[in-house]
Amino acid sequence: MEIEGSVALVTGANRGLGLHIARELLDRGAKVYATARDPRAVDLPGATVLRLDVTDQASVDAAAEQAGDVSLLVNNAGLATFANLVDGDLDAIRLEMDTHFFGTLRVTRAFAPVLARNGGGAIANLLSVLSWITFLNATSYSAAKAAQWSLTNGVRLELAGQGTVVSGVHLGAADTDMMTRWDVPKLDPAFVAAAVVDGIACGDLEILVDEAAKGAKAALSADVRVVYPQLP
């Protein structure tokens, strides 16, 4: 899609990848709704700031009413509790699923009619290599991201008839607050944002930002013990 002149709404735009993606869209000539649970936390000159809590249906509906000109939806809002599935706190696990899966679904359902009225447009869902592979202390997050990946595939089919292009964005680690506890190589968030917007502009259905994402995608057909050599 043409980014210049488009109208984008980015969830979780107060920091991290959401803030960088919103800024990249602004720099390329889009009108941007930068949303967050607390709009006071958004510092992005040139953007229109809205309150949007993806876990609150009333908040989602209000945002869809206020942003009726949106042609591009970026589902970025997320969190990580670092819970494991077997011994982790169930409330934390529910929160990750409610944010990544049900939150993305709430926002998509609210904005699908808006996109249809505005010619179809596009949706980009921020996923992860952890949609395809998991690690200890991130198994809950991975389960939520895997569900969000499946949601992305389903929504893509359902909205094709109205001309909405649905993209899934996969990457390894970016240098954001969420990843501070992990001692791994991290991507510059500005690089990720540029890759995401490039992929949206090209109409890519899967945006594989880095080699980690490409490797995880390729490993989907591998034997489980090859992917997880720590297994007995």
Protein backbone atom coordinates (compact mmCIF):
# COMPACT_ATOMS: atom_id res chain seq x y z
CA MET A 1 0.00 0.00 0.00
CA GLU A 2 1.03 3.61 -0.39
CA ILE A 3 2.31 4.83 2.99
CA GLU A 4 2.32 8.53 2.16
CA GLY A 5 -1.18 9.84 2.68
CA SER A 6 -2.35 6.73 4.53
CA VAL A 7 -3.94 6.88 7.98
CA ALA A 8 -2.34 4.49 10.45
CA LEU A 9 -3.22 3.44 13.97
CA VAL A 10 -0.48 1.85 16.07
CA THR A 11 -1.24 0.11 19.35
CA GLY A 12 1.30 0.28 22.16
CA ALA A 13 2.93 3.35 20.64
CA ASN A 14 4.24 4.79 23.90
CA ARG A 15 7.60 2.99 23.72
CA GLY A 16 9.65 0.27 22.05
CA LEU A 17 8.80 -0.95 18.58
CA GLY A 18 5.39 0.72 18.62
CA LEU A 19 6.90 4.15 19.12
CA HIS A 20 9.51 3.57 16.42
CA ILE A 21 6.96 2.24 13.93
CA ALA A 22 4.65 5.20 14.57
CA ARG A 23 7.57 7.61 14.06
CA GLU A 24 8.62 5.83 10.85
CA LEU A 25 5.09 6.10 9.48
CA LEU A 26 4.98 9.81 10.31
CA ASP A 27 8.33 10.34 8.62
CA ARG A 28 6.95 8.70 5.47
CA GLY A 29 3.95 10.98 5.28
CA ALA A 30 1.22 9.02 7.05
CA LYS A 31 -1.27 10.45 9.49
CA VAL A 32 -0.73 8.46 12.69
CA TYR A 33 -2.92 7.64 15.66
CA ALA A 34 -0.46 6.71 18.40
CA THR A 35 -2.31 4.75 21.08
CA ALA A 36 -1.53 3.48 24.56
CA ARG A 37 -3.31 2.50 27.76
CA ASP A 38 -2.10 5.81 29.22
CA PRO A 39 -2.03 8.45 26.46
CA ARG A 40 0.08 10.69 28.70
CA ALA A 41 2.95 8.24 28.12
CA VAL A 42 3.03 8.94 24.36
CA ASP A 43 5.59 11.56 23.31
CA LEU A 44 5.43 11.75 19.53
CA PRO A 45 5.04 15.20 17.99
CA GLY A 46 2.83 15.14 14.93
CA ALA A 47 0.79 12.12 16.00
CA THR A 48 -2.79 12.09 17.22
CA VAL A 49 -2.75 10.40 20.61
CA LEU A 50 -5.61 8.15 21.69
CA ARG A 51 -6.28 5.95 24.69
CA LEU A 52 -6.53 2.31 23.70
CA ASP A 53 -6.24 -0.65 26.07
CA VAL A 54 -6.40 -3.81 23.96
CA THR A 55 -7.70 -5.80 26.94
CA ASP A 56 -10.71 -3.45 27.39
CA GLN A 57 -13.48 -3.79 24.80
CA ALA A 58 -15.01 -0.40 25.62
CA SER A 59 -11.64 1.27 25.08
CA VAL A 60 -11.18 -0.51 21.75
CA ASP A 61 -14.66 0.46 20.57
CA ALA A 62 -14.12 4.10 21.55
CA ALA A 63 -10.87 4.23 19.59
CA ALA A 64 -12.58 2.78 16.50
CA GLU A 65 -15.24 5.50 16.78
CA GLN A 66 -12.64 8.24 17.07
CA ALA A 67 -10.37 6.96 14.30
CA GLY A 68 -12.88 6.30 11.53
CA ASP A 69 -10.44 7.24 8.76
CA VAL A 70 -7.86 4.49 9.45
CA SER A 71 -6.50 2.60 6.44
CA LEU A 72 -3.60 0.83 8.19
CA LEU A 73 -3.77 -0.96 11.54
CA VAL A 74 -0.57 -2.00 13.31
CA ASN A 75 -1.25 -4.43 16.17
CA ASN A 76 1.90 -3.95 18.21
CA ALA A 77 0.76 -3.81 21.86
CA GLY A 78 2.28 -6.58 23.92
CA LEU A 79 3.93 -7.62 27.13
CA ALA A 80 6.07 -10.40 28.55
CA THR A 81 5.58 -11.95 31.99
CA PHE A 82 8.42 -14.53 31.59
CA ALA A 83 6.09 -17.22 32.91
CA ASN A 84 6.42 -20.92 32.19
CA LEU A 85 3.29 -22.88 31.37
CA VAL A 86 3.52 -25.65 33.98
CA ASP A 87 4.72 -23.79 37.06
CA GLY A 88 3.95 -20.18 36.08
CA ASP A 89 1.23 -18.00 37.53
CA LEU A 90 -2.05 -18.65 35.71
CA ASP A 91 -3.07 -15.00 35.91
CA ALA A 92 0.17 -14.03 34.14
CA ILE A 93 -0.44 -16.65 31.46
CA ARG A 94 -4.01 -15.42 30.96
CA LEU A 95 -2.76 -11.83 30.69
CA GLU A 96 -0.32 -12.74 27.92
CA MET A 97 -3.03 -14.58 26.00
CA ASP A 98 -5.54 -11.79 26.59
CA THR A 99 -3.07 -9.21 25.32
CA HIS A 100 -1.52 -10.95 22.31
CA PHE A 101 -4.39 -13.12 21.08
CA PHE A 102 -7.64 -11.63 22.33
CA GLY A 103 -6.28 -8.07 22.29
CA THR A 104 -5.26 -8.36 18.65
CA LEU A 105 -8.62 -9.96 17.90
CA ARG A 106 -10.60 -7.21 19.67
CA VAL A 107 -8.82 -4.46 17.79
CA THR A 108 -9.04 -6.28 14.46
CA ARG A 109 -12.76 -6.92 14.83
CA ALA A 110 -13.38 -3.27 15.74
CA PHE A 111 -11.35 -1.86 12.86
CA ALA A 112 -12.19 -4.35 10.08
CA PRO A 113 -15.36 -2.42 9.14
CA VAL A 114 -13.40 0.84 9.26
CA LEU A 115 -10.81 -0.56 6.86
CA ALA A 116 -13.56 -1.88 4.57
CA ARG A 117 -15.20 1.55 4.38
CA ASN A 118 -11.83 3.10 3.55
CA GLY A 119 -11.00 0.79 0.66
CA GLY A 120 -9.57 -2.29 2.40
CA GLY A 121 -6.19 -1.10 3.57
CA ALA A 122 -3.84 -3.27 5.58
CA ILE A 123 -3.18 -4.83 8.98
CA ALA A 124 0.26 -5.69 10.34
CA ASN A 125 0.54 -7.90 13.42
CA LEU A 126 3.80 -7.80 15.39
CA LEU A 127 4.63 -11.44 16.02
CA SER A 128 7.99 -13.02 16.90
CA VAL A 129 10.35 -15.91 16.23
CA LEU A 130 8.72 -17.20 19.41
CA SER A 131 5.58 -17.81 17.38
CA TRP A 132 7.53 -20.75 15.94
CA ILE A 133 10.00 -21.78 18.67
CA THR A 134 10.01 -21.60 22.45
CA PHE A 135 12.49 -21.21 25.32
CA LEU A 136 12.30 -21.79 29.05
CA ASN A 137 10.98 -18.73 30.90
CA ALA A 138 9.16 -17.70 27.74
CA THR A 139 6.89 -20.69 27.11
CA SER A 140 3.74 -18.73 28.01
CA TYR A 141 4.75 -15.85 25.75
CA SER A 142 5.49 -18.31 22.94
CA ALA A 143 2.09 -19.95 23.31
CA ALA A 144 0.40 -16.56 23.09
CA LYS A 145 2.48 -15.57 20.06
CA ALA A 146 1.76 -18.89 18.35
CA ALA A 147 -1.95 -18.24 18.87
CA GLN A 148 -1.51 -14.74 17.46
CA TRP A 149 0.25 -16.19 14.41
CA SER A 150 -2.67 -18.56 13.80
CA LEU A 151 -5.06 -15.63 14.29
CA THR A 152 -3.11 -13.68 11.66
CA ASN A 153 -3.47 -16.51 9.15
CA GLY A 154 -7.20 -16.80 9.84
CA VAL A 155 -7.91 -13.09 9.68
CA ARG A 156 -5.95 -12.86 6.43
CA LEU A 157 -8.37 -15.33 4.82
CA GLU A 158 -11.46 -13.74 6.32
CA LEU A 159 -10.61 -10.19 5.26
CA ALA A 160 -9.25 -10.95 1.79
CA GLY A 161 -12.70 -10.43 0.32
CA GLN A 162 -12.81 -6.81 1.49
CA GLY A 163 -9.35 -6.12 0.08
CA THR A 164 -7.50 -5.94 3.40
CA VAL A 165 -3.90 -7.20 3.26
CA VAL A 166 -2.87 -8.85 6.55
CA SER A 167 0.85 -9.16 7.32
CA GLY A 168 2.63 -11.05 10.08
CA VAL A 169 5.90 -9.55 11.30
CA HIS A 170 8.50 -11.95 12.75
CA LEU A 171 11.82 -11.00 14.31
CA GLY A 172 14.26 -12.08 16.98
CA ALA A 173 15.22 -9.68 19.77
CA ALA A 174 15.00 -5.90 19.47
CA ASP A 175 16.70 -3.51 21.88
CA THR A 176 13.60 -2.49 23.83
CA ASP A 177 12.58 -2.36 27.47
CA MET A 178 10.87 -5.74 27.17
CA MET A 179 14.16 -7.41 26.25
CA THR A 180 16.45 -5.86 28.87
CA ARG A 181 16.70 -9.07 30.91
CA TRP A 182 17.89 -11.16 27.94
CA ASP A 183 21.63 -11.17 27.14
CA VAL A 184 21.33 -11.83 23.41
CA PRO A 185 22.14 -9.89 20.23
CA LYS A 186 19.45 -7.25 19.69
CA LEU A 187 18.28 -5.31 16.67
CA ASP A 188 18.05 -1.53 16.55
CA PRO A 189 14.32 -0.74 16.89
CA ALA A 190 14.64 1.91 14.19
CA PHE A 191 15.92 -0.78 11.78
CA VAL A 192 12.98 -3.01 12.67
CA ALA A 193 10.50 -0.17 12.17
CA ALA A 194 11.90 0.60 8.72
CA ALA A 195 11.73 -3.09 7.73
CA VAL A 196 8.14 -3.34 8.95
CA VAL A 197 6.98 -0.28 7.02
CA ASP A 198 8.89 -1.43 3.91
CA GLY A 199 7.11 -4.78 4.12
CA ILE A 200 3.71 -3.15 4.51
CA ALA A 201 4.40 -0.89 1.54
CA CYS A 202 5.32 -3.92 -0.58
CA GLY A 203 2.26 -5.89 0.52
CA ASP A 204 4.37 -8.70 2.02
CA LEU A 205 2.20 -11.24 3.85
CA GLU A 206 5.14 -12.35 6.00
CA ILE A 207 7.76 -9.81 7.01
CA LEU A 208 10.84 -11.70 8.21
CA VAL A 209 12.96 -8.94 9.68
CA ASP A 210 16.19 -10.80 10.44
CA GLU A 211 18.07 -14.08 10.08
CA ALA A 212 16.60 -15.34 13.35
CA ALA A 213 13.12 -15.09 11.85
CA LYS A 214 14.19 -16.74 8.61
CA GLY A 215 15.88 -19.56 10.51
CA ALA A 216 12.86 -20.15 12.77
CA LYS A 217 10.56 -20.28 9.75
CA ALA A 218 12.84 -22.77 7.99
CA ALA A 219 12.99 -24.97 11.11
CA LEU A 220 9.23 -25.55 11.12
CA SER A 221 9.71 -28.65 8.99
CA ALA A 222 12.59 -30.03 11.07
CA ASP A 223 12.41 -32.89 13.56
CA VAL A 224 11.50 -31.70 17.06
CA ARG A 225 14.78 -33.00 18.53
CA VAL A 226 16.73 -31.02 15.96
CA VAL A 227 14.95 -27.83 17.00
CA TYR A 228 15.26 -28.66 20.71
CA PRO A 229 18.56 -30.58 21.13
CA GLN A 230 18.22 -30.33 24.93
CA LEU A 231 15.43 -32.92 24.85
CA PRO A 232 16.39 -36.47 25.93
